[in-house]
């Protein structure tokens, strides 16, 4: 989760697409040039241990745009395939 946030903050499209599960991954990913991610608060974690094949992470991410600051609250789902974790999807709320 933290590595994906860092990739969003750096604008690293390749990493984001590479860590997105192939069943839900978009073909292209547009990242807003005027949006700056600067803080991540992980609020909940469910499963996701070395013995699990799936997990969820609840978080709040903070950003700034020319119009001012904002937040994104999401419950993200991850799955492990061949020992590697992939982002599946998230519920924004």
C-alpha atoms as a PDB file:
ATOM      1  CA  UNK A   1       0.000   0.000   0.000  1.00  0.00           C
ATOM      2  CA  UNK A   2       2.679   2.466   0.957  1.00  0.00           C
ATOM      3  CA  UNK A   3       4.687   1.695  -2.167  1.00  0.00           C
ATOM      4  CA  UNK A   4       1.646   2.410  -4.345  1.00  0.00           C
ATOM      5  CA  UNK A   5       1.053   5.711  -2.535  1.00  0.00           C
ATOM      6  CA  UNK A   6       4.687   6.642  -3.149  1.00  0.00           C
ATOM      7  CA  UNK A   7       4.249   5.744  -6.816  1.00  0.00           C
ATOM      8  CA  UNK A   8       1.195   8.027  -7.019  1.00  0.00           C
ATOM      9  CA  UNK A   9       3.166  10.803  -5.305  1.00  0.00           C
ATOM     10  CA  UNK A  10       6.033  10.385  -7.798  1.00  0.00           C
ATOM     11  CA  UNK A  11       3.821   9.901 -10.834  1.00  0.00           C
ATOM     12  CA  UNK A  12       5.225   6.419 -11.494  1.00  0.00           C
ATOM     13  CA  UNK A  13       2.576   5.022 -13.870  1.00  0.00           C
ATOM     14  CA  UNK A  14       4.629   1.934 -14.725  1.00  0.00           C
ATOM     15  CA  UNK A  15       4.863   0.790 -11.106  1.00  0.00           C
ATOM     16  CA  UNK A  16       1.171   1.436 -10.482  1.00  0.00           C
ATOM     17  CA  UNK A  17       0.129  -0.580 -13.524  1.00  0.00           C
ATOM     18  CA  UNK A  18       2.634  -3.342 -12.707  1.00  0.00           C
ATOM     19  CA  UNK A  19       1.211  -3.761  -9.184  1.00  0.00           C
ATOM     20  CA  UNK A  20      -2.431  -3.689 -10.355  1.00  0.00           C
ATOM     21  CA  UNK A  21      -4.101  -7.087 -10.777  1.00  0.00           C
ATOM     22  CA  UNK A  22      -4.436  -7.912 -14.516  1.00  0.00           C
ATOM     23  CA  UNK A  23      -8.190  -8.610 -14.160  1.00  0.00           C
ATOM     24  CA  UNK A  24      -8.934  -5.047 -12.987  1.00  0.00           C
ATOM     25  CA  UNK A  25      -5.965  -3.057 -14.340  1.00  0.00           C
ATOM     26  CA  UNK A  26      -6.801  -0.233 -16.756  1.00  0.00           C
ATOM     27  CA  UNK A  27      -5.027  -0.131 -20.102  1.00  0.00           C
ATOM     28  CA  UNK A  28      -3.793   3.381 -19.404  1.00  0.00           C
ATOM     29  CA  UNK A  29      -3.528   5.454 -16.273  1.00  0.00           C
ATOM     30  CA  UNK A  30      -3.918   9.211 -16.359  1.00  0.00           C
ATOM     31  CA  UNK A  31      -2.378  11.003 -13.394  1.00  0.00           C
ATOM     32  CA  UNK A  32      -3.246  14.644 -12.851  1.00  0.00           C
ATOM     33  CA  UNK A  33      -0.162  16.814 -13.239  1.00  0.00           C
ATOM     34  CA  UNK A  34      -1.529  19.460 -10.863  1.00  0.00           C
ATOM     35  CA  UNK A  35      -2.345  17.048  -8.021  1.00  0.00           C
ATOM     36  CA  UNK A  36       0.306  16.492  -5.314  1.00  0.00           C
ATOM     37  CA  UNK A  37      -0.052  13.591  -2.866  1.00  0.00           C
ATOM     38  CA  UNK A  38       1.751  14.363   0.390  1.00  0.00           C
ATOM     39  CA  UNK A  39       0.484  12.164   3.240  1.00  0.00           C
ATOM     40  CA  UNK A  40      -0.912   8.675   3.809  1.00  0.00           C
ATOM     41  CA  UNK A  41      -2.641   7.464   6.977  1.00  0.00           C
ATOM     42  CA  UNK A  42      -3.246   3.704   7.059  1.00  0.00           C
ATOM     43  CA  UNK A  43      -6.278   3.265   9.294  1.00  0.00           C
ATOM     44  CA  UNK A  44      -7.058  -0.439   9.084  1.00  0.00           C
ATOM     45  CA  UNK A  45      -5.537  -3.665   7.826  1.00  0.00           C
ATOM     46  CA  UNK A  46      -7.386  -6.934   7.454  1.00  0.00           C
ATOM     47  CA  UNK A  47      -5.467 -10.115   6.624  1.00  0.00           C
ATOM     48  CA  UNK A  48      -2.550  -9.686   4.206  1.00  0.00           C
ATOM     49  CA  UNK A  49      -0.081 -11.709   6.273  1.00  0.00           C
ATOM     50  CA  UNK A  50       2.392 -14.134   4.689  1.00  0.00           C
ATOM     51  CA  UNK A  51      -0.212 -16.867   5.278  1.00  0.00           C
ATOM     52  CA  UNK A  52      -3.055 -15.019   3.494  1.00  0.00           C
ATOM     53  CA  UNK A  53      -3.938 -14.829  -0.176  1.00  0.00           C
ATOM     54  CA  UNK A  54      -5.988 -11.633   0.149  1.00  0.00           C
ATOM     55  CA  UNK A  55      -6.129  -8.544   2.314  1.00  0.00           C
ATOM     56  CA  UNK A  56      -7.703  -5.129   2.722  1.00  0.00           C
ATOM     57  CA  UNK A  57      -6.238  -1.771   3.691  1.00  0.00           C
ATOM     58  CA  UNK A  58      -8.299   1.229   4.762  1.00  0.00           C
ATOM     59  CA  UNK A  59      -6.566   4.567   4.382  1.00  0.00           C
ATOM     60  CA  UNK A  60      -6.841   8.296   3.976  1.00  0.00           C
ATOM     61  CA  UNK A  61      -4.550   9.957   1.445  1.00  0.00           C
ATOM     62  CA  UNK A  62      -4.019  13.723   1.457  1.00  0.00           C
ATOM     63  CA  UNK A  63      -3.423  15.834  -1.622  1.00  0.00           C
ATOM     64  CA  UNK A  64      -3.218  19.401  -2.862  1.00  0.00           C
ATOM     65  CA  UNK A  65      -4.434  20.881  -6.128  1.00  0.00           C
ATOM     66  CA  UNK A  66      -4.446  24.487  -7.342  1.00  0.00           C
ATOM     67  CA  UNK A  67      -7.969  24.659  -5.860  1.00  0.00           C
ATOM     68  CA  UNK A  68      -6.750  23.622  -2.400  1.00  0.00           C
ATOM     69  CA  UNK A  69      -6.275  20.549  -0.235  1.00  0.00           C
ATOM     70  CA  UNK A  70      -8.359  17.378  -0.239  1.00  0.00           C
ATOM     71  CA  UNK A  71      -8.522  13.805   0.988  1.00  0.00           C
ATOM     72  CA  UNK A  72      -9.284  10.411  -0.466  1.00  0.00           C
ATOM     73  CA  UNK A  73     -10.706   7.710   1.813  1.00  0.00           C
ATOM     74  CA  UNK A  74     -10.539   4.195   0.392  1.00  0.00           C
ATOM     75  CA  UNK A  75     -10.808   0.557   1.417  1.00  0.00           C
ATOM     76  CA  UNK A  76      -8.437  -1.214  -0.983  1.00  0.00           C
ATOM     77  CA  UNK A  77      -8.473  -4.926  -1.752  1.00  0.00           C
ATOM     78  CA  UNK A  78      -5.288  -6.818  -2.549  1.00  0.00           C
ATOM     79  CA  UNK A  79      -4.629 -10.389  -3.648  1.00  0.00           C
ATOM     80  CA  UNK A  80      -1.448 -12.424  -3.744  1.00  0.00           C
ATOM     81  CA  UNK A  81      -0.541 -14.304  -6.906  1.00  0.00           C
ATOM     82  CA  UNK A  82       2.603 -16.470  -6.974  1.00  0.00           C
ATOM     83  CA  UNK A  83       3.887 -14.743  -3.839  1.00  0.00           C
ATOM     84  CA  UNK A  84       3.357 -11.193  -5.118  1.00  0.00           C
ATOM     85  CA  UNK A  85       0.692  -8.748  -3.907  1.00  0.00           C
ATOM     86  CA  UNK A  86      -1.529  -6.941  -6.417  1.00  0.00           C
ATOM     87  CA  UNK A  87      -4.043  -4.143  -5.983  1.00  0.00           C
ATOM     88  CA  UNK A  88      -7.503  -5.395  -7.056  1.00  0.00           C
ATOM     89  CA  UNK A  89      -9.881  -2.505  -6.420  1.00  0.00           C
ATOM     90  CA  UNK A  90     -11.103  -0.065  -3.814  1.00  0.00           C
ATOM     91  CA  UNK A  91     -14.257   1.399  -2.365  1.00  0.00           C
ATOM     92  CA  UNK A  92     -14.067   5.147  -2.044  1.00  0.00           C
ATOM     93  CA  UNK A  93     -15.937   6.529   0.887  1.00  0.00           C
END
